[in-house]
């Protein structure tokens, strides 16, 4: 009988989320990748920023928070908590972002798939608290639920530009 560890099951769930993210991003057209839409006077994040932010969040939460590693990607901090798409100084093309997305995700999957169950409830390395827990498991679960929130934003960008998702 093949029994998965909790972290392997979480890795599988995250892989499913990432596959959908990659599909949606593959449908994105360059002409509206950097467009910031405004609704009721509120400027929304653009798809370019969202993609880079997802790289930042997986690196911060999983690679650093669970694996206690750093992949030394110089531009990541421009896409972290509270950053503003209008203030990004880096001129990265989307292919560079997607390549780093794949690299960071591969490292995160190695970390998750090799994490023993007894490590799930231990404190994370970034001292982050989610759901009143500062455990590695809380960070992993937050990362898994964080990405679909931004994926919803990407789906709206696609829909308002007439790109069908089915």
N, C-alpha and C. Protein backbone atom coordinates (compact mmCIF):
# COMPACT_ATOMS: atom_id res chain seq x y z
N UNK A 1 0.84 -1.18 0.00
CA UNK A 1 0.00 0.00 0.00
C UNK A 1 0.88 1.24 0.00
N UNK A 2 0.58 2.20 -0.89
CA UNK A 2 1.34 3.43 -1.02
C UNK A 2 0.66 4.53 -0.20
N UNK A 3 1.27 4.92 0.91
CA UNK A 3 0.69 5.93 1.78
C UNK A 3 1.47 7.23 1.63
N UNK A 4 0.75 8.32 1.39
CA UNK A 4 1.37 9.62 1.24
C UNK A 4 1.51 10.28 2.61
N UNK A 5 2.60 11.04 2.74
CA UNK A 5 2.73 11.89 3.93
C UNK A 5 1.80 13.09 3.74
N UNK A 6 1.55 13.80 4.81
CA UNK A 6 0.70 14.99 4.73
C UNK A 6 1.32 16.02 3.77
N UNK A 7 2.62 16.21 3.86
CA UNK A 7 3.26 17.20 2.99
C UNK A 7 3.23 16.77 1.53
N UNK A 8 3.28 15.47 1.25
CA UNK A 8 3.16 15.00 -0.13
C UNK A 8 1.75 15.27 -0.67
N UNK A 9 0.75 15.08 0.18
CA UNK A 9 -0.63 15.39 -0.22
C UNK A 9 -0.79 16.89 -0.46
N UNK A 10 -0.19 17.70 0.40
CA UNK A 10 -0.25 19.16 0.20
C UNK A 10 0.48 19.55 -1.08
N UNK A 11 1.61 18.92 -1.35
CA UNK A 11 2.36 19.19 -2.59
C UNK A 11 1.50 18.85 -3.81
N UNK A 12 0.79 17.75 -3.74
CA UNK A 12 -0.08 17.35 -4.85
C UNK A 12 -1.19 18.39 -5.07
N UNK A 13 -1.77 18.89 -3.98
CA UNK A 13 -2.81 19.91 -4.09
C UNK A 13 -2.24 21.19 -4.70
N UNK A 14 -1.05 21.56 -4.25
CA UNK A 14 -0.43 22.77 -4.79
C UNK A 14 -0.07 22.59 -6.26
N UNK A 15 0.36 21.42 -6.63
CA UNK A 15 0.68 21.15 -8.04
C UNK A 15 -0.56 21.34 -8.92
N UNK A 16 -1.70 20.92 -8.43
CA UNK A 16 -2.95 21.08 -9.17
C UNK A 16 -3.28 22.56 -9.36
N UNK A 17 -3.10 23.34 -8.30
CA UNK A 17 -3.32 24.79 -8.38
C UNK A 17 -2.37 25.41 -9.39
N UNK A 18 -1.09 25.05 -9.31
CA UNK A 18 -0.09 25.63 -10.21
C UNK A 18 -0.37 25.29 -11.67
N UNK A 19 -0.84 24.08 -11.93
CA UNK A 19 -1.16 23.71 -13.30
C UNK A 19 -2.24 24.62 -13.88
N UNK A 20 -3.23 24.97 -13.07
CA UNK A 20 -4.28 25.87 -13.52
C UNK A 20 -3.72 27.28 -13.74
N UNK A 21 -2.85 27.73 -12.85
CA UNK A 21 -2.21 29.04 -13.01
C UNK A 21 -1.44 29.10 -14.32
N UNK A 22 -0.66 28.06 -14.59
CA UNK A 22 0.13 28.03 -15.82
C UNK A 22 -0.79 28.03 -17.06
N UNK A 23 -1.89 27.31 -16.99
CA UNK A 23 -2.84 27.30 -18.10
C UNK A 23 -3.39 28.71 -18.35
N UNK A 24 -3.84 29.36 -17.29
CA UNK A 24 -4.42 30.70 -17.44
C UNK A 24 -3.37 31.69 -17.95
N UNK A 25 -2.16 31.61 -17.42
CA UNK A 25 -1.11 32.53 -17.88
C UNK A 25 -0.74 32.25 -19.34
N UNK A 26 -0.86 31.02 -19.77
CA UNK A 26 -0.55 30.70 -21.17
C UNK A 26 -1.57 31.32 -22.12
N UNK A 27 -2.75 31.64 -21.63
CA UNK A 27 -3.79 32.27 -22.44
C UNK A 27 -3.65 33.80 -22.49
N UNK A 28 -2.76 34.34 -21.67
CA UNK A 28 -2.60 35.78 -21.55
C UNK A 28 -1.92 36.33 -22.80
N UNK A 29 -2.47 37.38 -23.35
CA UNK A 29 -1.90 38.04 -24.53
C UNK A 29 -1.00 39.19 -24.07
N UNK A 30 0.14 39.33 -24.71
CA UNK A 30 1.09 40.39 -24.34
C UNK A 30 0.47 41.78 -24.35
N UNK A 31 -0.52 42.00 -25.19
CA UNK A 31 -1.06 43.36 -25.32
C UNK A 31 -1.83 43.82 -24.07
N UNK A 32 -2.29 42.88 -23.23
CA UNK A 32 -2.94 43.33 -22.00
C UNK A 32 -2.29 42.76 -20.74
N UNK A 33 -1.10 42.20 -20.89
CA UNK A 33 -0.37 41.64 -19.76
C UNK A 33 -0.05 42.69 -18.69
N UNK A 34 0.31 43.89 -19.10
CA UNK A 34 0.69 44.96 -18.17
C UNK A 34 -0.40 46.00 -17.95
N UNK A 35 -1.56 45.77 -18.52
CA UNK A 35 -2.65 46.73 -18.34
C UNK A 35 -3.19 46.64 -16.92
N UNK A 36 -3.30 47.81 -16.27
CA UNK A 36 -3.93 47.87 -14.95
C UNK A 36 -5.35 48.39 -15.13
N UNK A 37 -6.29 47.54 -14.86
CA UNK A 37 -7.68 47.92 -14.99
C UNK A 37 -8.11 48.65 -13.73
N UNK A 38 -9.08 49.53 -13.91
CA UNK A 38 -9.58 50.32 -12.77
C UNK A 38 -11.08 50.11 -12.66
N UNK A 39 -11.52 49.80 -11.45
CA UNK A 39 -12.94 49.61 -11.19
C UNK A 39 -13.31 50.47 -9.99
N UNK A 40 -14.30 51.33 -10.17
CA UNK A 40 -14.76 52.22 -9.11
C UNK A 40 -13.61 53.00 -8.48
N UNK A 41 -12.68 53.44 -9.32
CA UNK A 41 -11.56 54.24 -8.85
C UNK A 41 -10.43 53.44 -8.21
N UNK A 42 -10.53 52.13 -8.21
CA UNK A 42 -9.49 51.28 -7.62
C UNK A 42 -8.71 50.61 -8.74
N UNK A 43 -7.38 50.84 -8.74
CA UNK A 43 -6.53 50.19 -9.74
C UNK A 43 -6.22 48.77 -9.29
N UNK A 44 -6.45 47.81 -10.18
CA UNK A 44 -6.21 46.41 -9.88
C UNK A 44 -4.79 46.02 -10.30
N UNK A 45 -4.30 44.94 -9.73
CA UNK A 45 -2.99 44.42 -10.13
C UNK A 45 -3.06 43.93 -11.57
N UNK A 46 -1.96 44.08 -12.29
CA UNK A 46 -1.94 43.54 -13.65
C UNK A 46 -1.40 42.10 -13.64
N UNK A 47 -1.60 41.40 -14.73
CA UNK A 47 -1.21 39.99 -14.81
C UNK A 47 0.30 39.80 -14.68
N UNK A 48 1.06 40.74 -15.22
CA UNK A 48 2.52 40.71 -15.11
C UNK A 48 2.94 40.72 -13.63
N UNK A 49 2.39 41.67 -12.86
CA UNK A 49 2.71 41.77 -11.44
C UNK A 49 2.24 40.52 -10.70
N UNK A 50 1.05 40.04 -11.02
CA UNK A 50 0.52 38.86 -10.33
C UNK A 50 1.44 37.66 -10.54
N UNK A 51 1.89 37.43 -11.77
CA UNK A 51 2.77 36.30 -12.05
C UNK A 51 4.05 36.41 -11.22
N UNK A 52 4.67 37.58 -11.20
CA UNK A 52 5.90 37.77 -10.43
C UNK A 52 5.63 37.66 -8.93
N UNK A 53 4.48 38.14 -8.50
CA UNK A 53 4.11 38.04 -7.08
C UNK A 53 3.94 36.58 -6.66
N UNK A 54 3.41 35.76 -7.54
CA UNK A 54 3.27 34.33 -7.22
C UNK A 54 4.64 33.67 -7.08
N UNK A 55 5.61 34.11 -7.86
CA UNK A 55 6.98 33.61 -7.69
C UNK A 55 7.50 34.04 -6.32
N UNK A 56 7.29 35.32 -6.00
CA UNK A 56 7.74 35.83 -4.70
C UNK A 56 7.09 35.05 -3.55
N UNK A 57 5.78 34.86 -3.62
CA UNK A 57 5.07 34.24 -2.49
C UNK A 57 5.49 32.79 -2.30
N UNK A 58 5.67 32.03 -3.37
CA UNK A 58 6.09 30.64 -3.22
C UNK A 58 7.52 30.58 -2.68
N UNK A 59 8.37 31.48 -3.14
CA UNK A 59 9.75 31.51 -2.65
C UNK A 59 9.75 31.87 -1.16
N UNK A 60 9.02 32.93 -0.80
CA UNK A 60 8.99 33.38 0.59
C UNK A 60 8.36 32.34 1.50
N UNK A 61 7.21 31.84 1.13
CA UNK A 61 6.46 30.95 2.02
C UNK A 61 7.04 29.53 2.07
N UNK A 62 7.34 28.94 0.93
CA UNK A 62 7.78 27.54 0.91
C UNK A 62 9.30 27.42 0.96
N UNK A 63 9.98 28.05 0.02
CA UNK A 63 11.44 27.89 -0.05
C UNK A 63 12.10 28.45 1.21
N UNK A 64 11.72 29.67 1.61
CA UNK A 64 12.30 30.25 2.82
C UNK A 64 11.58 29.79 4.08
N UNK A 65 10.25 29.86 4.08
CA UNK A 65 9.48 29.59 5.29
C UNK A 65 9.48 28.15 5.75
N UNK A 66 9.53 27.22 4.81
CA UNK A 66 9.52 25.80 5.16
C UNK A 66 10.90 25.18 4.97
N UNK A 67 11.57 25.54 3.87
CA UNK A 67 12.85 24.93 3.55
C UNK A 67 14.07 25.63 4.11
N UNK A 68 13.87 26.86 4.62
CA UNK A 68 14.96 27.67 5.17
C UNK A 68 16.09 27.85 4.14
N UNK A 69 15.70 28.11 2.89
CA UNK A 69 16.65 28.31 1.80
C UNK A 69 16.37 29.65 1.14
N UNK A 70 17.30 30.10 0.32
CA UNK A 70 17.12 31.31 -0.46
C UNK A 70 17.71 31.07 -1.84
N UNK A 71 16.92 31.31 -2.86
CA UNK A 71 17.38 31.07 -4.23
C UNK A 71 18.04 32.31 -4.84
N UNK A 72 18.17 33.39 -4.08
CA UNK A 72 18.87 34.60 -4.49
C UNK A 72 18.39 35.12 -5.84
N UNK A 73 17.12 35.51 -5.87
CA UNK A 73 16.52 36.10 -7.07
C UNK A 73 16.38 37.60 -6.80
N UNK A 74 17.22 38.43 -7.42
CA UNK A 74 17.33 39.83 -7.04
C UNK A 74 16.04 40.66 -7.16
N UNK A 75 15.18 40.34 -8.07
CA UNK A 75 14.00 41.17 -8.31
C UNK A 75 12.78 40.81 -7.47
N UNK A 76 12.86 39.74 -6.70
CA UNK A 76 11.66 39.26 -5.99
C UNK A 76 11.01 40.29 -5.07
N UNK A 77 11.82 41.02 -4.33
CA UNK A 77 11.24 41.94 -3.33
C UNK A 77 10.35 43.03 -3.93
N UNK A 78 10.51 43.31 -5.20
CA UNK A 78 9.65 44.32 -5.83
C UNK A 78 8.22 43.82 -6.00
N UNK A 79 8.00 42.53 -5.73
CA UNK A 79 6.69 41.94 -5.95
C UNK A 79 6.11 41.32 -4.67
N UNK A 80 6.61 41.75 -3.52
CA UNK A 80 6.18 41.21 -2.24
C UNK A 80 4.96 41.90 -1.68
N UNK A 81 4.65 41.59 -0.41
CA UNK A 81 3.51 42.21 0.29
C UNK A 81 3.58 43.72 0.16
N UNK A 82 2.46 44.32 -0.20
CA UNK A 82 2.36 45.77 -0.22
C UNK A 82 3.05 46.47 -1.38
N UNK A 83 3.63 45.70 -2.29
CA UNK A 83 4.29 46.36 -3.42
C UNK A 83 3.24 46.87 -4.41
N UNK A 84 3.66 47.84 -5.21
CA UNK A 84 2.75 48.50 -6.13
C UNK A 84 3.22 48.25 -7.57
N UNK A 85 2.36 47.71 -8.42
CA UNK A 85 2.76 47.45 -9.81
C UNK A 85 3.29 48.68 -10.54
N UNK A 86 2.82 49.87 -10.16
CA UNK A 86 3.29 51.09 -10.81
C UNK A 86 4.69 51.50 -10.37
N UNK A 87 5.20 50.88 -9.32
CA UNK A 87 6.52 51.25 -8.79
C UNK A 87 7.59 50.19 -9.04
N UNK A 88 7.29 49.22 -9.88
CA UNK A 88 8.27 48.17 -10.21
C UNK A 88 9.35 48.77 -11.09
N UNK A 89 10.60 48.61 -10.68
CA UNK A 89 11.73 49.15 -11.43
C UNK A 89 12.34 48.14 -12.39
N UNK A 90 12.09 46.87 -12.18
CA UNK A 90 12.68 45.83 -13.01
C UNK A 90 11.99 45.78 -14.38
N UNK A 91 12.76 45.56 -15.40
CA UNK A 91 12.22 45.34 -16.73
C UNK A 91 12.40 43.88 -17.10
N UNK A 92 11.57 43.06 -16.55
CA UNK A 92 11.61 41.62 -16.80
C UNK A 92 10.58 41.29 -17.87
N UNK A 93 10.94 40.42 -18.78
CA UNK A 93 9.90 39.99 -19.70
C UNK A 93 9.17 38.81 -19.04
N UNK A 94 8.00 38.54 -19.53
CA UNK A 94 7.16 37.52 -18.90
C UNK A 94 7.81 36.14 -18.95
N UNK A 95 8.60 35.87 -19.99
CA UNK A 95 9.27 34.57 -20.07
C UNK A 95 10.27 34.39 -18.93
N UNK A 96 10.95 35.47 -18.55
CA UNK A 96 11.88 35.40 -17.42
C UNK A 96 11.13 35.09 -16.13
N UNK A 97 9.99 35.72 -15.96
CA UNK A 97 9.18 35.48 -14.77
C UNK A 97 8.68 34.03 -14.76
N UNK A 98 8.18 33.56 -15.88
CA UNK A 98 7.67 32.19 -15.94
C UNK A 98 8.77 31.16 -15.74
N UNK A 99 9.98 31.44 -16.24
CA UNK A 99 11.11 30.54 -15.99
C UNK A 99 11.43 30.45 -14.51
N UNK A 100 11.45 31.60 -13.82
CA UNK A 100 11.70 31.61 -12.37
C UNK A 100 10.55 30.95 -11.63
N UNK A 101 9.34 31.12 -12.14
CA UNK A 101 8.19 30.46 -11.52
C UNK A 101 8.40 28.95 -11.52
N UNK A 102 8.87 28.42 -12.65
CA UNK A 102 9.12 26.98 -12.75
C UNK A 102 10.26 26.55 -11.82
N UNK A 103 11.33 27.33 -11.78
CA UNK A 103 12.48 26.99 -10.92
C UNK A 103 12.10 27.00 -9.45
N UNK A 104 11.41 28.04 -9.03
CA UNK A 104 11.01 28.14 -7.62
C UNK A 104 10.03 27.03 -7.28
N UNK A 105 9.11 26.76 -8.19
CA UNK A 105 8.13 25.70 -7.92
C UNK A 105 8.80 24.33 -7.81
N UNK A 106 9.77 24.07 -8.66
CA UNK A 106 10.49 22.79 -8.59
C UNK A 106 11.20 22.65 -7.24
N UNK A 107 11.82 23.73 -6.78
CA UNK A 107 12.48 23.70 -5.46
C UNK A 107 11.46 23.52 -4.34
N UNK A 108 10.35 24.23 -4.44
CA UNK A 108 9.29 24.10 -3.42
C UNK A 108 8.73 22.68 -3.37
N UNK A 109 8.56 22.07 -4.52
CA UNK A 109 8.04 20.69 -4.56
C UNK A 109 9.05 19.72 -3.95
N UNK A 110 10.33 19.92 -4.18
CA UNK A 110 11.35 19.07 -3.53
C UNK A 110 11.25 19.20 -2.01
N UNK A 111 11.10 20.42 -1.55
CA UNK A 111 11.01 20.67 -0.10
C UNK A 111 9.77 19.98 0.46
N UNK A 112 8.63 20.19 -0.18
CA UNK A 112 7.38 19.64 0.35
C UNK A 112 7.34 18.12 0.29
N UNK A 113 7.78 17.56 -0.81
CA UNK A 113 7.71 16.11 -0.97
C UNK A 113 8.65 15.35 -0.04
N UNK A 114 9.67 16.04 0.45
CA UNK A 114 10.61 15.37 1.36
C UNK A 114 10.40 15.75 2.83
N UNK A 115 9.41 16.59 3.11
CA UNK A 115 9.16 17.05 4.47
C UNK A 115 8.46 15.96 5.29
N UNK A 116 9.08 15.49 6.36
CA UNK A 116 8.44 14.47 7.20
C UNK A 116 7.21 15.05 7.93
N UNK A 117 6.24 14.20 8.19
CA UNK A 117 5.02 14.65 8.88
C UNK A 117 5.30 15.36 10.20
N UNK A 118 6.32 14.91 10.92
CA UNK A 118 6.59 15.53 12.22
C UNK A 118 7.07 16.98 12.10
N UNK A 119 7.45 17.40 10.91
CA UNK A 119 7.89 18.79 10.69
C UNK A 119 6.72 19.74 10.44
N UNK A 120 5.57 19.22 10.06
CA UNK A 120 4.42 20.05 9.70
C UNK A 120 4.01 21.00 10.83
N UNK A 121 4.04 20.53 12.05
CA UNK A 121 3.59 21.35 13.18
C UNK A 121 4.72 22.13 13.86
N UNK A 122 5.91 22.08 13.30
CA UNK A 122 7.03 22.85 13.85
C UNK A 122 6.98 24.27 13.32
N UNK A 123 7.56 25.22 14.06
CA UNK A 123 7.54 26.63 13.61
C UNK A 123 8.20 26.81 12.24
N UNK A 124 7.65 27.73 11.48
CA UNK A 124 8.24 28.05 10.18
C UNK A 124 9.43 28.98 10.38
N UNK A 125 10.22 29.14 9.33
CA UNK A 125 11.47 29.91 9.42
C UNK A 125 11.29 31.40 9.15
N UNK A 126 10.08 31.83 8.81
CA UNK A 126 9.86 33.25 8.54
C UNK A 126 9.01 33.91 9.63
N UNK A 127 8.71 33.15 10.68
CA UNK A 127 7.93 33.64 11.81
C UNK A 127 6.59 34.23 11.36
N UNK A 128 5.96 33.58 10.39
CA UNK A 128 4.66 34.01 9.89
C UNK A 128 3.55 33.23 10.58
N UNK A 129 2.47 33.92 10.86
CA UNK A 129 1.32 33.31 11.51
C UNK A 129 0.11 33.39 10.60
N UNK A 130 -0.52 32.25 10.38
CA UNK A 130 -1.75 32.17 9.60
C UNK A 130 -2.72 31.30 10.40
N UNK A 131 -3.94 31.79 10.59
CA UNK A 131 -4.91 31.04 11.38
C UNK A 131 -4.42 30.79 12.79
N UNK A 132 -3.74 31.77 13.36
CA UNK A 132 -3.20 31.74 14.72
C UNK A 132 -2.15 30.65 14.92
N UNK A 133 -1.54 30.20 13.82
CA UNK A 133 -0.47 29.21 13.91
C UNK A 133 0.75 29.73 13.15
N UNK A 134 1.92 29.50 13.73
CA UNK A 134 3.14 29.88 13.02
C UNK A 134 3.92 28.64 12.60
N UNK A 135 3.20 27.63 12.18
CA UNK A 135 3.81 26.35 11.82
C UNK A 135 4.15 26.30 10.32
N UNK A 136 4.96 25.32 9.97
CA UNK A 136 5.25 25.09 8.56
C UNK A 136 3.98 24.71 7.82
N UNK A 137 3.14 23.91 8.45
CA UNK A 137 1.88 23.52 7.83
C UNK A 137 0.98 24.71 7.54
N UNK A 138 0.92 25.67 8.46
CA UNK A 138 0.10 26.86 8.24
C UNK A 138 0.60 27.66 7.06
N UNK A 139 1.92 27.76 6.91
CA UNK A 139 2.52 28.49 5.80
C UNK A 139 2.23 27.77 4.48
N UNK A 140 2.36 26.46 4.47
CA UNK A 140 2.08 25.68 3.26
C UNK A 140 0.62 25.87 2.84
N UNK A 141 -0.29 25.74 3.78
CA UNK A 141 -1.71 25.87 3.46
C UNK A 141 -2.05 27.28 2.99
N UNK A 142 -1.42 28.28 3.60
CA UNK A 142 -1.65 29.65 3.14
C UNK A 142 -1.17 29.83 1.70
N UNK A 143 -0.03 29.28 1.39
CA UNK A 143 0.50 29.39 0.02
C UNK A 143 -0.46 28.75 -0.98
N UNK A 144 -1.01 27.61 -0.62
CA UNK A 144 -1.93 26.90 -1.51
C UNK A 144 -3.21 27.71 -1.70
N UNK A 145 -3.72 28.36 -0.68
CA UNK A 145 -4.96 29.12 -0.84
C UNK A 145 -4.72 30.51 -1.40
N UNK A 146 -3.51 31.04 -1.26
CA UNK A 146 -3.17 32.37 -1.75
C UNK A 146 -3.17 32.41 -3.28
N UNK A 147 -2.60 31.42 -3.91
CA UNK A 147 -2.48 31.44 -5.37
C UNK A 147 -3.83 31.49 -6.09
N UNK A 148 -4.83 30.70 -5.68
CA UNK A 148 -6.12 30.79 -6.38
C UNK A 148 -6.79 32.16 -6.26
N UNK A 149 -6.50 32.90 -5.19
CA UNK A 149 -7.07 34.25 -5.08
C UNK A 149 -6.55 35.11 -6.24
N UNK A 150 -5.25 35.01 -6.53
CA UNK A 150 -4.69 35.75 -7.64
C UNK A 150 -5.07 35.15 -8.99
N UNK A 151 -5.28 33.86 -9.01
CA UNK A 151 -5.73 33.21 -10.24
C UNK A 151 -7.11 33.74 -10.64
N UNK A 152 -7.94 34.03 -9.66
CA UNK A 152 -9.24 34.64 -9.94
C UNK A 152 -9.08 36.00 -10.61
N UNK A 153 -8.08 36.76 -10.17
CA UNK A 153 -7.81 38.05 -10.81
C UNK A 153 -7.38 37.85 -12.27
N UNK A 154 -6.53 36.87 -12.50
CA UNK A 154 -6.09 36.58 -13.86
C UNK A 154 -7.28 36.16 -14.73
N UNK A 155 -8.19 35.38 -14.15
CA UNK A 155 -9.35 34.94 -14.93
C UNK A 155 -10.22 36.13 -15.33
N UNK A 156 -10.36 37.12 -14.45
CA UNK A 156 -11.12 38.32 -14.79
C UNK A 156 -10.44 39.09 -15.92
N UNK A 157 -9.11 39.20 -15.87
CA UNK A 157 -8.38 39.89 -16.94
C UNK A 157 -8.62 39.18 -18.27
N UNK A 158 -8.57 37.87 -18.26
CA UNK A 158 -8.83 37.11 -19.48
C UNK A 158 -10.26 37.33 -19.97
N UNK A 159 -11.22 37.24 -19.07
CA UNK A 159 -12.62 37.36 -19.46
C UNK A 159 -12.94 38.74 -20.01
N UNK A 160 -12.45 39.79 -19.39
CA UNK A 160 -12.79 41.13 -19.89
C UNK A 160 -12.10 41.44 -21.21
N UNK A 161 -11.14 40.61 -21.59
CA UNK A 161 -10.47 40.76 -22.88
C UNK A 161 -10.96 39.72 -23.89
N UNK A 162 -12.06 39.04 -23.56
CA UNK A 162 -12.69 38.13 -24.50
C UNK A 162 -11.98 36.79 -24.67
N UNK A 163 -11.09 36.44 -23.75
CA UNK A 163 -10.38 35.16 -23.82
C UNK A 163 -11.19 34.12 -23.06
N UNK A 164 -11.61 33.10 -23.78
CA UNK A 164 -12.40 32.04 -23.16
C UNK A 164 -11.50 31.08 -22.41
N UNK A 165 -11.94 30.61 -21.27
CA UNK A 165 -11.17 29.72 -20.44
C UNK A 165 -11.53 28.25 -20.69
N UNK A 166 -12.59 28.02 -21.43
CA UNK A 166 -12.98 26.64 -21.70
C UNK A 166 -12.95 26.35 -23.18
